[in-house]
C-alpha cells in the first residue's frame, strides 16, 4: 500500500488580513488550497495582491515578515498581509 503522505500534491494554508485591508477584502481569514511548491510571488499573482504588496503591505509567514517572495509556502502555513501602520 502506498504512503499517502508521499503523494500530496497540494497544501492548505490560511491567508490573514489585518486593519483596513481586512475591510477591503471583506474577510479577515481565508483558507485556500495551493499546489505544492507554490511561492509567495505566485500566491500574490493568483489572488491579485501584488499591487498592495508593492504599495507597502508586508507579508509574513507564520509570524515572520519575509522579503523573499520566491519562498515556497509549506503546508499549514499562515500567510499574513500587514498594512503599513501609521503612528501619531
C-alpha atoms as a PDB file:
ATOM      1  CA  UNK A   1       0.000   0.000   0.000  1.00  0.00           C
ATOM      2  CA  UNK A   2       1.334   3.444  -0.898  1.00  0.00           C
ATOM      3  CA  UNK A   3       2.219   6.004   1.739  1.00  0.00           C
ATOM      4  CA  UNK A   4      -0.369   8.715   1.116  1.00  0.00           C
ATOM      5  CA  UNK A   5       1.946  11.396   2.503  1.00  0.00           C
ATOM      6  CA  UNK A   6       4.358  10.967  -0.388  1.00  0.00           C
ATOM      7  CA  UNK A   7       1.601  11.612  -2.945  1.00  0.00           C
ATOM      8  CA  UNK A   8       0.498  15.000  -1.591  1.00  0.00           C
ATOM      9  CA  UNK A   9       0.354  17.489  -4.444  1.00  0.00           C
ATOM     10  CA  UNK A  10      -1.443  20.283  -2.581  1.00  0.00           C
ATOM     11  CA  UNK A  11      -1.053  22.318   0.584  1.00  0.00           C
ATOM     12  CA  UNK A  12      -3.727  24.026   2.660  1.00  0.00           C
ATOM     13  CA  UNK A  13      -2.894  27.436   4.105  1.00  0.00           C
ATOM     14  CA  UNK A  14      -4.600  30.366   5.796  1.00  0.00           C
ATOM     15  CA  UNK A  15      -4.476  33.900   4.460  1.00  0.00           C
ATOM     16  CA  UNK A  16      -4.855  36.541   7.172  1.00  0.00           C
ATOM     17  CA  UNK A  17      -5.720  40.174   6.502  1.00  0.00           C
ATOM     18  CA  UNK A  18      -5.404  42.963   9.065  1.00  0.00           C
ATOM     19  CA  UNK A  19      -6.643  46.515   9.538  1.00  0.00           C
ATOM     20  CA  UNK A  20      -8.201  48.320   6.614  1.00  0.00           C
ATOM     21  CA  UNK A  21      -7.024  45.506   4.357  1.00  0.00           C
ATOM     22  CA  UNK A  22      -9.434  43.087   6.084  1.00  0.00           C
ATOM     23  CA  UNK A  23     -12.244  45.563   5.427  1.00  0.00           C
ATOM     24  CA  UNK A  24     -11.368  45.977   1.753  1.00  0.00           C
ATOM     25  CA  UNK A  25     -11.034  42.198   1.256  1.00  0.00           C
ATOM     26  CA  UNK A  26     -14.321  41.558   3.046  1.00  0.00           C
ATOM     27  CA  UNK A  27     -12.679  38.783   5.085  1.00  0.00           C
ATOM     28  CA  UNK A  28     -10.141  38.595   7.882  1.00  0.00           C
ATOM     29  CA  UNK A  29      -9.194  34.960   7.277  1.00  0.00           C
ATOM     30  CA  UNK A  30      -9.428  32.704   4.219  1.00  0.00           C
ATOM     31  CA  UNK A  31      -8.372  29.059   3.879  1.00  0.00           C
ATOM     32  CA  UNK A  32      -7.033  28.129   0.463  1.00  0.00           C
ATOM     33  CA  UNK A  33      -5.564  25.066  -1.209  1.00  0.00           C
ATOM     34  CA  UNK A  34      -2.470  25.593  -3.341  1.00  0.00           C
ATOM     35  CA  UNK A  35      -0.318  23.343  -5.462  1.00  0.00           C
ATOM     36  CA  UNK A  36       2.663  22.014  -3.554  1.00  0.00           C
ATOM     37  CA  UNK A  37       5.675  24.229  -4.314  1.00  0.00           C
ATOM     38  CA  UNK A  38       3.670  27.468  -4.704  1.00  0.00           C
ATOM     39  CA  UNK A  39       5.749  30.557  -3.899  1.00  0.00           C
ATOM     40  CA  UNK A  40       4.634  33.786  -2.271  1.00  0.00           C
ATOM     41  CA  UNK A  41       5.036  35.513  -5.633  1.00  0.00           C
ATOM     42  CA  UNK A  42       2.678  33.006  -7.286  1.00  0.00           C
ATOM     43  CA  UNK A  43       0.191  33.438  -4.425  1.00  0.00           C
ATOM     44  CA  UNK A  44       0.280  37.224  -4.893  1.00  0.00           C
ATOM     45  CA  UNK A  45      -0.384  36.820  -8.611  1.00  0.00           C
ATOM     46  CA  UNK A  46      -3.206  34.299  -8.130  1.00  0.00           C
ATOM     47  CA  UNK A  47      -5.105  36.497  -5.679  1.00  0.00           C
ATOM     48  CA  UNK A  48      -4.156  39.792  -7.367  1.00  0.00           C
ATOM     49  CA  UNK A  49      -2.324  41.055  -4.294  1.00  0.00           C
ATOM     50  CA  UNK A  50       0.919  42.180  -5.964  1.00  0.00           C
ATOM     51  CA  UNK A  51      -0.153  45.840  -6.136  1.00  0.00           C
ATOM     52  CA  UNK A  52      -0.957  46.080  -2.430  1.00  0.00           C
ATOM     53  CA  UNK A  53       2.381  44.492  -1.508  1.00  0.00           C
ATOM     54  CA  UNK A  54       4.184  46.885  -3.859  1.00  0.00           C
ATOM     55  CA  UNK A  55       2.397  49.736  -2.047  1.00  0.00           C
ATOM     56  CA  UNK A  56       3.752  48.900   1.392  1.00  0.00           C
ATOM     57  CA  UNK A  57       1.802  45.893   2.675  1.00  0.00           C
ATOM     58  CA  UNK A  58       4.187  43.435   4.364  1.00  0.00           C
ATOM     59  CA  UNK A  59       3.891  39.658   4.010  1.00  0.00           C
ATOM     60  CA  UNK A  60       4.534  37.367   6.971  1.00  0.00           C
ATOM     61  CA  UNK A  61       4.680  33.577   7.036  1.00  0.00           C
ATOM     62  CA  UNK A  62       3.916  32.031  10.419  1.00  0.00           C
ATOM     63  CA  UNK A  63       4.587  35.325  12.183  1.00  0.00           C
ATOM     64  CA  UNK A  64       7.841  36.248  10.442  1.00  0.00           C
ATOM     65  CA  UNK A  65       7.929  39.088   7.922  1.00  0.00           C
ATOM     66  CA  UNK A  66       9.595  37.938   4.723  1.00  0.00           C
ATOM     67  CA  UNK A  67      11.351  39.827   1.969  1.00  0.00           C
ATOM     68  CA  UNK A  68      11.903  36.897  -0.416  1.00  0.00           C
ATOM     69  CA  UNK A  69       8.724  36.398  -2.427  1.00  0.00           C
ATOM     70  CA  UNK A  70      10.308  33.342  -4.035  1.00  0.00           C
ATOM     71  CA  UNK A  71       9.878  31.449  -0.772  1.00  0.00           C
ATOM     72  CA  UNK A  72       7.827  28.252  -1.076  1.00  0.00           C
ATOM     73  CA  UNK A  73       4.758  28.089   1.145  1.00  0.00           C
ATOM     74  CA  UNK A  74       4.656  25.000   3.370  1.00  0.00           C
ATOM     75  CA  UNK A  75       1.510  23.077   4.264  1.00  0.00           C
ATOM     76  CA  UNK A  76      -0.493  24.533   7.192  1.00  0.00           C
ATOM     77  CA  UNK A  77       1.257  27.914   6.951  1.00  0.00           C
ATOM     78  CA  UNK A  78      -0.393  31.171   7.895  1.00  0.00           C
ATOM     79  CA  UNK A  79       0.348  33.929   5.407  1.00  0.00           C
ATOM     80  CA  UNK A  80      -0.495  37.342   6.825  1.00  0.00           C
ATOM     81  CA  UNK A  81      -0.817  40.625   4.963  1.00  0.00           C
ATOM     82  CA  UNK A  82       0.064  43.549   7.206  1.00  0.00           C
ATOM     83  CA  UNK A  83      -0.815  47.065   6.079  1.00  0.00           C
ATOM     84  CA  UNK A  84       1.579  49.885   6.974  1.00  0.00           C
ATOM     85  CA  UNK A  85       0.935  51.206  10.446  1.00  0.00           C
ATOM     86  CA  UNK A  86       0.565  54.913  10.960  1.00  0.00           C
ATOM     87  CA  UNK A  87       1.604  56.418  14.237  1.00  0.00           C
ATOM     88  CA  UNK A  88       0.770  59.593  15.987  1.00  0.00           C
END
